[in-house]
Amino acid sequence: MINAIEIEYLTDINPAILKEQVQACRRLWKMVIIYALREARDRIANTKSKYIEQAIRKEMRYFESPDFKKLCELADIEIKSVAIKQGLRTLRKWDARTPATKAKR
């Protein structure tokens, strides 16, 4: 139940400040996602080749979890778990003899 003090507080909120706070929170959640992806990438990169699929399955348990989906919702972004899985899978399939970037033609 909302009391008189809470009602007064809610009516005193500046919409511009509230919007700024919402944006700041979204940026924070986006950074949490970025660091989760970086940590997963680093763990995969340090995994022996014969254990890659097992390591990817382990990482994907988090990225397919309700917690990660909520995190994406809070960040107001949509990340498909298929894209994450593909990114983790292709991380180790680069060839050291080819350049990391391809020039546009």
PDB file of N, CA and C in Angstrom:
ATOM      1  N   MET A   1       0.852  -1.179   0.000  1.00  0.00           N
ATOM      2  CA  MET A   1       0.000   0.000   0.000  1.00  0.00           C
ATOM      3  C   MET A   1       0.895   1.239   0.000  1.00  0.00           C
ATOM      4  N   ILE A   2       0.576   2.189  -0.835  1.00  0.00           N
ATOM      5  CA  ILE A   2       1.367   3.420  -0.949  1.00  0.00           C
ATOM      6  C   ILE A   2       0.860   4.421   0.088  1.00  0.00           C
ATOM      7  N   ASN A   3       1.805   4.972   0.841  1.00  0.00           N
ATOM      8  CA  ASN A   3       1.406   5.966   1.829  1.00  0.00           C
ATOM      9  C   ASN A   3       1.580   7.381   1.261  1.00  0.00           C
ATOM     10  N   ALA A   4       1.240   8.391   2.041  1.00  0.00           N
ATOM     11  CA  ALA A   4       1.250   9.785   1.579  1.00  0.00           C
ATOM     12  C   ALA A   4       2.654  10.251   1.189  1.00  0.00           C
ATOM     13  N   ILE A   5       3.675   9.786   1.897  1.00  0.00           N
ATOM     14  CA  ILE A   5       5.050  10.192   1.592  1.00  0.00           C
ATOM     15  C   ILE A   5       5.461   9.624   0.230  1.00  0.00           C
ATOM     16  N   GLU A   6       5.118   8.373  -0.022  1.00  0.00           N
ATOM     17  CA  GLU A   6       5.453   7.773  -1.310  1.00  0.00           C
ATOM     18  C   GLU A   6       4.731   8.464  -2.460  1.00  0.00           C
ATOM     19  N   ILE A   7       3.474   8.837  -2.256  1.00  0.00           N
ATOM     20  CA  ILE A   7       2.724   9.540  -3.292  1.00  0.00           C
ATOM     21  C   ILE A   7       3.373  10.881  -3.599  1.00  0.00           C
ATOM     22  N   GLU A   8       3.786  11.608  -2.553  1.00  0.00           N
ATOM     23  CA  GLU A   8       4.451  12.896  -2.750  1.00  0.00           C
ATOM     24  C   GLU A   8       5.768  12.699  -3.505  1.00  0.00           C
ATOM     25  N   TYR A   9       6.526  11.668  -3.156  1.00  0.00           N
ATOM     26  CA  TYR A   9       7.793  11.397  -3.829  1.00  0.00           C
ATOM     27  C   TYR A   9       7.565  11.078  -5.299  1.00  0.00           C
ATOM     28  N   LEU A  10       6.586  10.246  -5.577  1.00  0.00           N
ATOM     29  CA  LEU A  10       6.322   9.842  -6.950  1.00  0.00           C
ATOM     30  C   LEU A  10       5.879  11.018  -7.820  1.00  0.00           C
ATOM     31  N   THR A  11       5.187  11.960  -7.260  1.00  0.00           N
ATOM     32  CA  THR A  11       4.741  13.114  -8.041  1.00  0.00           C
ATOM     33  C   THR A  11       5.846  14.138  -8.226  1.00  0.00           C
ATOM     34  N   ASP A  12       6.915  14.059  -7.435  1.00  0.00           N
ATOM     35  CA  ASP A  12       8.033  15.004  -7.537  1.00  0.00           C
ATOM     36  C   ASP A  12       9.123  14.539  -8.500  1.00  0.00           C
ATOM     37  N   ILE A  13       8.983  13.380  -9.095  1.00  0.00           N
ATOM     38  CA  ILE A  13      10.015  12.855  -9.983  1.00  0.00           C
ATOM     39  C   ILE A  13      10.021  13.653 -11.283  1.00  0.00           C
ATOM     40  N   ASN A  14      11.194  14.128 -11.628  1.00  0.00           N
ATOM     41  CA  ASN A  14      11.372  14.862 -12.878  1.00  0.00           C
ATOM     42  C   ASN A  14      11.475  13.848 -14.011  1.00  0.00           C
ATOM     43  N   PRO A  15      10.592  13.916 -15.013  1.00  0.00           N
ATOM     44  CA  PRO A  15      10.627  12.935 -16.106  1.00  0.00           C
ATOM     45  C   PRO A  15      11.970  12.877 -16.832  1.00  0.00           C
ATOM     46  N   ALA A  16      12.640  14.008 -16.981  1.00  0.00           N
ATOM     47  CA  ALA A  16      13.943  14.021 -17.656  1.00  0.00           C
ATOM     48  C   ALA A  16      14.980  13.255 -16.847  1.00  0.00           C
ATOM     49  N   ILE A  17      14.947  13.431 -15.539  1.00  0.00           N
ATOM     50  CA  ILE A  17      15.891  12.722 -14.668  1.00  0.00           C
ATOM     51  C   ILE A  17      15.575  11.232 -14.672  1.00  0.00           C
ATOM     52  N   LEU A  18      14.308  10.897 -14.625  1.00  0.00           N
ATOM     53  CA  LEU A  18      13.909   9.486 -14.654  1.00  0.00           C
ATOM     54  C   LEU A  18      14.379   8.830 -15.952  1.00  0.00           C
ATOM     55  N   LYS A  19      14.193   9.498 -17.087  1.00  0.00           N
ATOM     56  CA  LYS A  19      14.632   8.960 -18.378  1.00  0.00           C
ATOM     57  C   LYS A  19      16.143   8.750 -18.377  1.00  0.00           C
ATOM     58  N   GLU A  20      16.876   9.699 -17.816  1.00  0.00           N
ATOM     59  CA  GLU A  20      18.342   9.594 -17.744  1.00  0.00           C
ATOM     60  C   GLU A  20      18.758   8.399 -16.881  1.00  0.00           C
ATOM     61  N   GLN A  21      18.046   8.193 -15.779  1.00  0.00           N
ATOM     62  CA  GLN A  21      18.364   7.065 -14.901  1.00  0.00           C
ATOM     63  C   GLN A  21      18.071   5.725 -15.586  1.00  0.00           C
ATOM     64  N   VAL A  22      16.980   5.666 -16.323  1.00  0.00           N
ATOM     65  CA  VAL A  22      16.636   4.440 -17.057  1.00  0.00           C
ATOM     66  C   VAL A  22      17.724   4.140 -18.090  1.00  0.00           C
ATOM     67  N   GLN A  23      18.165   5.163 -18.810  1.00  0.00           N
ATOM     68  CA  GLN A  23      19.223   4.973 -19.801  1.00  0.00           C
ATOM     69  C   GLN A  23      20.529   4.530 -19.143  1.00  0.00           C
ATOM     70  N   ALA A  24      20.842   5.102 -17.990  1.00  0.00           N
ATOM     71  CA  ALA A  24      22.065   4.712 -17.275  1.00  0.00           C
ATOM     72  C   ALA A  24      21.985   3.244 -16.848  1.00  0.00           C
ATOM     73  N   CYS A  25      20.830   2.821 -16.382  1.00  0.00           N
ATOM     74  CA  CYS A  25      20.654   1.416 -15.987  1.00  0.00           C
ATOM     75  C   CYS A  25      20.803   0.493 -17.190  1.00  0.00           C
ATOM     76  N   ARG A  26      20.231   0.884 -18.323  1.00  0.00           N
ATOM     77  CA  ARG A  26      20.356   0.060 -19.526  1.00  0.00           C
ATOM     78  C   ARG A  26      21.810  -0.059 -19.961  1.00  0.00           C
ATOM     79  N   ARG A  27      22.553   1.053 -19.870  1.00  0.00           N
ATOM     80  CA  ARG A  27      23.976   0.997 -20.220  1.00  0.00           C
ATOM     81  C   ARG A  27      24.720   0.053 -19.289  1.00  0.00           C
ATOM     82  N   LEU A  28      24.380   0.087 -18.019  1.00  0.00           N
ATOM     83  CA  LEU A  28      25.004  -0.812 -17.043  1.00  0.00           C
ATOM     84  C   LEU A  28      24.734  -2.273 -17.410  1.00  0.00           C
ATOM     85  N   TRP A  29      23.479  -2.613 -17.709  1.00  0.00           N
ATOM     86  CA  TRP A  29      23.141  -3.993 -18.052  1.00  0.00           C
ATOM     87  C   TRP A  29      23.816  -4.412 -19.342  1.00  0.00           C
ATOM     88  N   LYS A  30      23.943  -3.492 -20.305  1.00  0.00           N
ATOM     89  CA  LYS A  30      24.652  -3.810 -21.549  1.00  0.00           C
ATOM     90  C   LYS A  30      26.109  -4.145 -21.271  1.00  0.00           C
ATOM     91  N   MET A  31      26.729  -3.412 -20.341  1.00  0.00           N
ATOM     92  CA  MET A  31      28.119  -3.713 -19.991  1.00  0.00           C
ATOM     93  C   MET A  31      28.236  -5.075 -19.316  1.00  0.00           C
ATOM     94  N   VAL A  32      27.256  -5.429 -18.508  1.00  0.00           N
ATOM     95  CA  VAL A  32      27.252  -6.754 -17.871  1.00  0.00           C
ATOM     96  C   VAL A  32      27.202  -7.834 -18.951  1.00  0.00           C
ATOM     97  N   ILE A  33      26.372  -7.631 -19.976  1.00  0.00           N
ATOM     98  CA  ILE A  33      26.278  -8.589 -21.081  1.00  0.00           C
ATOM     99  C   ILE A  33      27.605  -8.675 -21.828  1.00  0.00           C
ATOM    100  N   ILE A  34      28.191  -7.531 -22.124  1.00  0.00           N
ATOM    101  CA  ILE A  34      29.467  -7.505 -22.844  1.00  0.00           C
ATOM    102  C   ILE A  34      30.534  -8.278 -22.075  1.00  0.00           C
ATOM    103  N   TYR A  35      30.604  -8.054 -20.765  1.00  0.00           N
ATOM    104  CA  TYR A  35      31.626  -8.756 -19.982  1.00  0.00           C
ATOM    105  C   TYR A  35      31.335 -10.246 -19.872  1.00  0.00           C
ATOM    106  N   ALA A  36      30.056 -10.631 -19.820  1.00  0.00           N
ATOM    107  CA  ALA A  36      29.723 -12.066 -19.804  1.00  0.00           C
ATOM    108  C   ALA A  36      30.162 -12.721 -21.108  1.00  0.00           C
ATOM    109  N   LEU A  37      29.933 -12.032 -22.225  1.00  0.00           N
ATOM    110  CA  LEU A  37      30.354 -12.568 -23.525  1.00  0.00           C
ATOM    111  C   LEU A  37      31.876 -12.639 -23.628  1.00  0.00           C
ATOM    112  N   ARG A  38      32.557 -11.627 -23.119  1.00  0.00           N
ATOM    113  CA  ARG A  38      34.033 -11.637 -23.153  1.00  0.00           C
ATOM    114  C   ARG A  38      34.604 -12.774 -22.319  1.00  0.00           C
ATOM    115  N   GLU A  39      34.024 -12.974 -21.143  1.00  0.00           N
ATOM    116  CA  GLU A  39      34.511 -14.047 -20.278  1.00  0.00           C
ATOM    117  C   GLU A  39      34.276 -15.408 -20.924  1.00  0.00           C
ATOM    118  N   ALA A  40      33.122 -15.583 -21.547  1.00  0.00           N
ATOM    119  CA  ALA A  40      32.843 -16.847 -22.244  1.00  0.00           C
ATOM    120  C   ALA A  40      33.827 -17.037 -23.387  1.00  0.00           C
ATOM    121  N   ARG A  41      34.075 -15.974 -24.139  1.00  0.00           N
ATOM    122  CA  ARG A  41      35.036 -16.037 -25.249  1.00  0.00           C
ATOM    123  C   ARG A  41      36.408 -16.446 -24.735  1.00  0.00           C
ATOM    124  N   ASP A  42      36.845 -15.852 -23.630  1.00  0.00           N
ATOM    125  CA  ASP A  42      38.164 -16.173 -23.078  1.00  0.00           C
ATOM    126  C   ASP A  42      38.232 -17.625 -22.609  1.00  0.00           C
ATOM    127  N   ARG A  43      37.144 -18.104 -21.985  1.00  0.00           N
ATOM    128  CA  ARG A  43      37.151 -19.504 -21.539  1.00  0.00           C
ATOM    129  C   ARG A  43      37.213 -20.458 -22.734  1.00  0.00           C
ATOM    130  N   ILE A  44      36.472 -20.145 -23.792  1.00  0.00           N
ATOM    131  CA  ILE A  44      36.490 -20.983 -24.988  1.00  0.00           C
ATOM    132  C   ILE A  44      37.876 -20.930 -25.638  1.00  0.00           C
ATOM    133  N   ALA A  45      38.450 -19.753 -25.711  1.00  0.00           N
ATOM    134  CA  ALA A  45      39.762 -19.601 -26.344  1.00  0.00           C
ATOM    135  C   ALA A  45      40.836 -20.396 -25.610  1.00  0.00           C
ATOM    136  N   ASN A  46      40.657 -20.616 -24.316  1.00  0.00           N
ATOM    137  CA  ASN A  46      41.644 -21.340 -23.520  1.00  0.00           C
ATOM    138  C   ASN A  46      41.303 -22.821 -23.349  1.00  0.00           C
ATOM    139  N   THR A  47      40.336 -23.289 -24.129  1.00  0.00           N
ATOM    140  CA  THR A  47      39.917 -24.691 -24.046  1.00  0.00           C
ATOM    141  C   THR A  47      40.636 -25.515 -25.104  1.00  0.00           C
ATOM    142  N   LYS A  48      41.028 -26.706 -24.739  1.00  0.00           N
ATOM    143  CA  LYS A  48      41.659 -27.610 -25.712  1.00  0.00           C
ATOM    144  C   LYS A  48      40.639 -27.983 -26.782  1.00  0.00           C
ATOM    145  N   SER A  49      41.123 -28.153 -28.000  1.00  0.00           N
ATOM    146  CA  SER A  49      40.262 -28.401 -29.161  1.00  0.00           C
ATOM    147  C   SER A  49      39.291 -29.554 -28.954  1.00  0.00           C
ATOM    148  N   LYS A  50      39.747 -30.621 -28.338  1.00  0.00           N
ATOM    149  CA  LYS A  50      38.866 -31.780 -28.205  1.00  0.00           C
ATOM    150  C   LYS A  50      37.720 -31.546 -27.206  1.00  0.00           C
ATOM    151  N   TYR A  51      37.805 -30.481 -26.404  1.00  0.00           N
ATOM    152  CA  TYR A  51      36.753 -30.186 -25.435  1.00  0.00           C
ATOM    153  C   TYR A  51      35.904 -28.972 -25.805  1.00  0.00           C
ATOM    154  N   ILE A  52      36.060 -28.465 -27.025  1.00  0.00           N
ATOM    155  CA  ILE A  52      35.364 -27.244 -27.441  1.00  0.00           C
ATOM    156  C   ILE A  52      33.849 -27.383 -27.345  1.00  0.00           C
ATOM    157  N   GLU A  53      33.295 -28.431 -27.913  1.00  0.00           N
ATOM    158  CA  GLU A  53      31.833 -28.586 -27.916  1.00  0.00           C
ATOM    159  C   GLU A  53      31.283 -28.680 -26.497  1.00  0.00           C
ATOM    160  N   GLN A  54      31.992 -29.379 -25.639  1.00  0.00           N
ATOM    161  CA  GLN A  54      31.570 -29.488 -24.246  1.00  0.00           C
ATOM    162  C   GLN A  54      31.617 -28.113 -23.571  1.00  0.00           C
ATOM    163  N   ALA A  55      32.660 -27.341 -23.837  1.00  0.00           N
ATOM    164  CA  ALA A  55      32.796 -26.005 -23.258  1.00  0.00           C
ATOM    165  C   ALA A  55      31.707 -25.066 -23.788  1.00  0.00           C
ATOM    166  N   ILE A  56      31.381 -25.181 -25.069  1.00  0.00           N
ATOM    167  CA  ILE A  56      30.324 -24.349 -25.647  1.00  0.00           C
ATOM    168  C   ILE A  56      28.980 -24.678 -25.008  1.00  0.00           C
ATOM    169  N   ARG A  57      28.686 -25.963 -24.844  1.00  0.00           N
ATOM    170  CA  ARG A  57      27.429 -26.353 -24.179  1.00  0.00           C
ATOM    171  C   ARG A  57      27.359 -25.778 -22.776  1.00  0.00           C
ATOM    172  N   LYS A  58      28.485 -25.831 -22.064  1.00  0.00           N
ATOM    173  CA  LYS A  58      28.526 -25.294 -20.703  1.00  0.00           C
ATOM    174  C   LYS A  58      28.251 -23.792 -20.694  1.00  0.00           C
ATOM    175  N   GLU A  59      28.877 -23.048 -21.599  1.00  0.00           N
ATOM    176  CA  GLU A  59      28.660 -21.598 -21.683  1.00  0.00           C
ATOM    177  C   GLU A  59      27.216 -21.287 -22.079  1.00  0.00           C
ATOM    178  N   MET A  60      26.673 -22.072 -22.988  1.00  0.00           N
ATOM    179  CA  MET A  60      25.324 -21.801 -23.487  1.00  0.00           C
ATOM    180  C   MET A  60      24.253 -22.031 -22.436  1.00  0.00           C
ATOM    181  N   ARG A  61      24.545 -22.831 -21.418  1.00  0.00           N
ATOM    182  CA  ARG A  61      23.566 -22.993 -20.330  1.00  0.00           C
ATOM    183  C   ARG A  61      23.228 -21.638 -19.721  1.00  0.00           C
ATOM    184  N   TYR A  62      24.232 -20.779 -19.577  1.00  0.00           N
ATOM    185  CA  TYR A  62      23.967 -19.443 -19.027  1.00  0.00           C
ATOM    186  C   TYR A  62      23.252 -18.559 -20.048  1.00  0.00           C
ATOM    187  N   PHE A  63      23.745 -18.556 -21.293  1.00  0.00           N
ATOM    188  CA  PHE A  63      23.188 -17.657 -22.301  1.00  0.00           C
ATOM    189  C   PHE A  63      21.769 -18.037 -22.727  1.00  0.00           C
ATOM    190  N   GLU A  64      21.336 -19.244 -22.417  1.00  0.00           N
ATOM    191  CA  GLU A  64      19.965 -19.666 -22.698  1.00  0.00           C
ATOM    192  C   GLU A  64      19.099 -19.662 -21.441  1.00  0.00           C
ATOM    193  N   SER A  65      19.659 -19.206 -20.335  1.00  0.00           N
ATOM    194  CA  SER A  65      18.940 -19.227 -19.057  1.00  0.00           C
ATOM    195  C   SER A  65      17.956 -18.059 -18.924  1.00  0.00           C
ATOM    196  N   PRO A  66      16.981 -18.225 -18.054  1.00  0.00           N
ATOM    197  CA  PRO A  66      16.054 -17.113 -17.783  1.00  0.00           C
ATOM    198  C   PRO A  66      16.783 -15.874 -17.238  1.00  0.00           C
ATOM    199  N   ASP A  67      17.867 -16.092 -16.501  1.00  0.00           N
ATOM    200  CA  ASP A  67      18.628 -14.956 -15.965  1.00  0.00           C
ATOM    201  C   ASP A  67      19.211 -14.096 -17.082  1.00  0.00           C
ATOM    202  N   PHE A  68      19.787 -14.730 -18.093  1.00  0.00           N
ATOM    203  CA  PHE A  68      20.365 -13.972 -19.201  1.00  0.00           C
ATOM    204  C   PHE A  68      19.265 -13.293 -20.014  1.00  0.00           C
ATOM    205  N   LYS A  69      18.154 -13.983 -20.204  1.00  0.00           N
ATOM    206  CA  LYS A  69      17.033 -13.377 -20.928  1.00  0.00           C
ATOM    207  C   LYS A  69      16.518 -12.143 -20.187  1.00  0.00           C
ATOM    208  N   LYS A  70      16.459 -12.207 -18.867  1.00  0.00           N
ATOM    209  CA  LYS A  70      16.040 -11.055 -18.064  1.00  0.00           C
ATOM    210  C   LYS A  70      17.059  -9.933 -18.195  1.00  0.00           C
ATOM    211  N   LEU A  71      18.326 -10.276 -18.196  1.00  0.00           N
ATOM    212  CA  LEU A  71      19.392  -9.302 -18.356  1.00  0.00           C
ATOM    213  C   LEU A  71      19.244  -8.558 -19.687  1.00  0.00           C
ATOM    214  N   CYS A  72      18.966  -9.293 -20.745  1.00  0.00           N
ATOM    215  CA  CYS A  72      18.754  -8.667 -22.059  1.00  0.00           C
ATOM    216  C   CYS A  72      17.520  -7.772 -22.046  1.00  0.00           C
ATOM    217  N   GLU A  73      16.501  -8.217 -21.350  1.00  0.00           N
ATOM    218  CA  GLU A  73      15.286  -7.400 -21.231  1.00  0.00           C
ATOM    219  C   GLU A  73      15.590  -6.093 -20.497  1.00  0.00           C
ATOM    220  N   LEU A  74      16.347  -6.177 -19.424  1.00  0.00           N
ATOM    221  CA  LEU A  74      16.715  -4.969 -18.678  1.00  0.00           C
ATOM    222  C   LEU A  74      17.584  -4.032 -19.501  1.00  0.00           C
ATOM    223  N   ALA A  75      18.429  -4.602 -20.353  1.00  0.00           N
ATOM    224  CA  ALA A  75      19.301  -3.805 -21.211  1.00  0.00           C
ATOM    225  C   ALA A  75      18.557  -3.294 -22.442  1.00  0.00           C
ATOM    226  N   ASP A  76      17.358  -3.803 -22.655  1.00  0.00           N
ATOM    227  CA  ASP A  76      16.517  -3.436 -23.796  1.00  0.00           C
ATOM    228  C   ASP A  76      17.188  -3.793 -25.117  1.00  0.00           C
ATOM    229  N   ILE A  77      17.768  -5.009 -25.148  1.00  0.00           N
ATOM    230  CA  ILE A  77      18.360  -5.516 -26.384  1.00  0.00           C
ATOM    231  C   ILE A  77      17.919  -6.958 -26.590  1.00  0.00           C
ATOM    232  N   GLU A  78      18.017  -7.405 -27.814  1.00  0.00           N
ATOM    233  CA  GLU A  78      17.683  -8.788 -28.140  1.00  0.00           C
ATOM    234  C   GLU A  78      18.924  -9.455 -28.709  1.00  0.00           C
ATOM    235  N   ILE A  79      19.337 -10.522 -28.057  1.00  0.00           N
ATOM    236  CA  ILE A  79      20.466 -11.313 -28.540  1.00  0.00           C
ATOM    237  C   ILE A  79      19.976 -12.738 -28.691  1.00  0.00           C
ATOM    238  N   LYS A  80      20.079 -13.254 -29.866  1.00  0.00           N
ATOM    239  CA  LYS A  80      19.643 -14.624 -30.112  1.00  0.00           C
ATOM    240  C   LYS A  80      20.741 -15.587 -29.657  1.00  0.00           C
ATOM    241  N   SER A  81      20.337 -16.610 -28.908  1.00  0.00           N
ATOM    242  CA  SER A  81      21.317 -17.561 -28.399  1.00  0.00           C
ATOM    243  C   SER A  81      22.020 -18.294 -29.545  1.00  0.00           C
ATOM    244  N   VAL A  82      21.349 -18.428 -30.666  1.00  0.00           N
ATOM    245  CA  VAL A  82      21.966 -19.064 -31.836  1.00  0.00           C
ATOM    246  C   VAL A  82      23.187 -18.258 -32.282  1.00  0.00           C
ATOM    247  N   ALA A  83      23.074 -16.940 -32.263  1.00  0.00           N
ATOM    248  CA  ALA A  83      24.191 -16.079 -32.661  1.00  0.00           C
ATOM    249  C   ALA A  83      25.356 -16.208 -31.686  1.00  0.00           C
ATOM    250  N   ILE A  84      25.050 -16.312 -30.410  1.00  0.00           N
ATOM    251  CA  ILE A  84      26.109 -16.478 -29.407  1.00  0.00           C
ATOM    252  C   ILE A  84      26.813 -17.824 -29.618  1.00  0.00           C
ATOM    253  N   LYS A  85      26.021 -18.874 -29.786  1.00  0.00           N
ATOM    254  CA  LYS A  85      26.592 -20.206 -29.991  1.00  0.00           C
ATOM    255  C   LYS A  85      27.478 -20.222 -31.237  1.00  0.00           C
ATOM    256  N   GLN A  86      26.999 -19.635 -32.320  1.00  0.00           N
ATOM    257  CA  GLN A  86      27.779 -19.594 -33.553  1.00  0.00           C
ATOM    258  C   GLN A  86      29.079 -18.813 -33.348  1.00  0.00           C
ATOM    259  N   GLY A  87      28.988 -17.690 -32.628  1.00  0.00           N
ATOM    260  CA  GLY A  87      30.182 -16.901 -32.352  1.00  0.00           C
ATOM    261  C   GLY A  87      31.203 -17.667 -31.532  1.00  0.00           C
ATOM    262  N   LEU A  88      30.748 -18.390 -30.525  1.00  0.00           N
ATOM    263  CA  LEU A  88      31.660 -19.188 -29.699  1.00  0.00           C
ATOM    264  C   LEU A  88      32.258 -20.335 -30.507  1.00  0.00           C
ATOM    265  N   ARG A  89      31.434 -20.922 -31.364  1.00  0.00           N
ATOM    266  CA  ARG A  89      31.901 -22.057 -32.162  1.00  0.00           C
ATOM    267  C   ARG A  89      32.936 -21.627 -33.199  1.00  0.00           C
ATOM    268  N   THR A  90      32.747 -20.487 -33.826  1.00  0.00           N
ATOM    269  CA  THR A  90      33.673 -20.038 -34.866  1.00  0.00           C
ATOM    270  C   THR A  90      34.903 -19.346 -34.292  1.00  0.00           C
ATOM    271  N   LEU A  91      34.873 -19.067 -33.016  1.00  0.00           N
ATOM    272  CA  LEU A  91      36.009 -18.399 -32.372  1.00  0.00           C
ATOM    273  C   LEU A  91      37.304 -19.158 -32.582  1.00  0.00           C
ATOM    274  N   ARG A  92      37.259 -20.459 -32.521  1.00  0.00           N
ATOM    275  CA  ARG A  92      38.461 -21.274 -32.601  1.00  0.00           C
ATOM    276  C   ARG A  92      38.749 -21.780 -34.004  1.00  0.00           C
ATOM    277  N   LYS A  93      37.912 -21.416 -34.990  1.00  0.00           N
ATOM    278  CA  LYS A  93      38.080 -21.971 -36.333  1.00  0.00           C
ATOM    279  C   LYS A  93      38.813 -21.031 -37.271  1.00  0.00           C
ATOM    280  N   TRP A  94      39.558 -20.095 -36.740  1.00  0.00           N
ATOM    281  CA  TRP A  94      40.330 -19.200 -37.606  1.00  0.00           C
ATOM    282  C   TRP A  94      41.631 -19.881 -37.982  1.00  0.00           C
ATOM    283  N   ASP A  95      42.150 -19.497 -39.085  1.00  0.00           N
ATOM    284  CA  ASP A  95      43.385 -20.080 -39.602  1.00  0.00           C
ATOM    285  C   ASP A  95      44.496 -19.051 -39.420  1.00  0.00           C
ATOM    286  N   ALA A  96      45.542 -19.402 -38.733  1.00  0.00           N
ATOM    287  CA  ALA A  96      46.636 -18.468 -38.440  1.00  0.00           C
ATOM    288  C   ALA A  96      47.332 -17.977 -39.703  1.00  0.00           C
ATOM    289  N   ARG A  97      47.175 -18.688 -40.808  1.00  0.00           N
ATOM    290  CA  ARG A  97      47.831 -18.285 -42.049  1.00  0.00           C
ATOM    291  C   ARG A  97      47.055 -17.226 -42.805  1.00  0.00           C
ATOM    292  N   THR A  98      45.785 -17.016 -42.442  1.00  0.00           N
ATOM    293  CA  THR A  98      44.987 -16.004 -43.147  1.00  0.00           C
ATOM    294  C   THR A  98      44.867 -14.763 -42.282  1.00  0.00           C
ATOM    295  N   PRO A  99      44.751 -13.596 -42.904  1.00  0.00           N
ATOM    296  CA  PRO A  99      44.624 -12.372 -42.116  1.00  0.00           C
ATOM    297  C   PRO A  99      43.320 -12.369 -41.313  1.00  0.00           C
ATOM    298  N   ALA A 100      43.349 -11.693 -40.182  1.00  0.00           N
ATOM    299  CA  ALA A 100      42.179 -11.646 -39.298  1.00  0.00           C
ATOM    300  C   ALA A 100      41.046 -10.848 -39.928  1.00  0.00           C
ATOM    301  N   THR A 101      41.378  -9.867 -40.734  1.00  0.00           N
ATOM    302  CA  THR A 101      40.334  -9.070 -41.382  1.00  0.00           C
ATOM    303  C   THR A 101      40.503  -9.178 -42.880  1.00  0.00           C
ATOM    304  N   LYS A 102      39.395  -9.092 -43.553  1.00  0.00           N
ATOM    305  CA  LYS A 102      39.409  -9.150 -45.009  1.00  0.00           C
ATOM    306  C   LYS A 102      39.135  -7.765 -45.558  1.00  0.00           C
ATOM    307  N   ALA A 103      39.883  -7.386 -46.537  1.00  0.00           N
ATOM    308  CA  ALA A 103      39.693  -6.087 -47.153  1.00  0.00           C
ATOM    309  C   ALA A 103      38.457  -6.124 -48.032  1.00  0.00           C
ATOM    310  N   LYS A 104      37.702  -5.020 -48.028  1.00  0.00           N
ATOM    311  CA  LYS A 104      36.532  -4.909 -48.895  1.00  0.00           C
ATOM    312  C   LYS A 104      36.998  -4.680 -50.317  1.00  0.00           C
ATOM    313  N   ARG A 105      36.319  -5.286 -51.230  1.00  0.00           N
ATOM    314  CA  ARG A 105      36.663  -5.128 -52.653  1.00  0.00           C
ATOM    315  C   ARG A 105      35.594  -4.357 -53.363  1.00  0.00           C
TER     316      ARG A 105
END
